[in-house]
Amino acid sequence: MVDIHFDMFDSLFRKDSFSRDWLSSGPPEEWVDFFNKYNKISRNPFSLSYKLGNDLDYLTTHITLQLSRVIESRINDQFSKDCDHIPVPILASSVSACFSGLVISWFTRFQSIDPKTIAGYIHRLIKNIFRVT
C-alpha cells in the first residue's frame, strides 16, 4: 500500500520543475489535478479509517516518510547549495509534514475548501518554508 504512492509523489513533486514550482505565484497544476481527483471521491474520514483499521497510523506514517524521501531527493538535486543552514532531511520532513498534514486535514476538516484553493494554501506555506531556507 505504501509503495503505490511513489508514482503519485513523483508526479506531484516533478524533478524537472521542482525548483521552478516554488517561484511561481500559484500551485503546480499537478497539485490542483490531485485535489480535483480526490474531490470527486468520497472524502468521508470514517470510511478510510474503517477500511484500514489498525493499519491507518502505520500507513500514514510510512506514506509521509516516503513523501519526505522524494522531496529530499528533489532538494538534493536542485537546492543542495542553498540549504546550508537547515539540514536537507529536516527541510524535506517539514515540507512533507506540511503537505501530508494538510491533505489529511482537507479530507477530514476542510472539505468545503475547493481543490484549487487548498492547493494554493499548501503551495504558499511550502513556498515560505523554502523562502526562509
Foldseek 3Di string as FASTA:
>chain_A
DLVVCLVLLCQLCPLVCNVVQLVDQFHPVSQLVVQVVCLVPQLAVCVVCVVCPPCVVVSLVSNLVSSLVSQLVSCVVPPVVPQVVPDSSVLSSVLSCLVSVLVNCCSYPVVVDRRRVSSRVSSVVNSVSVVVD
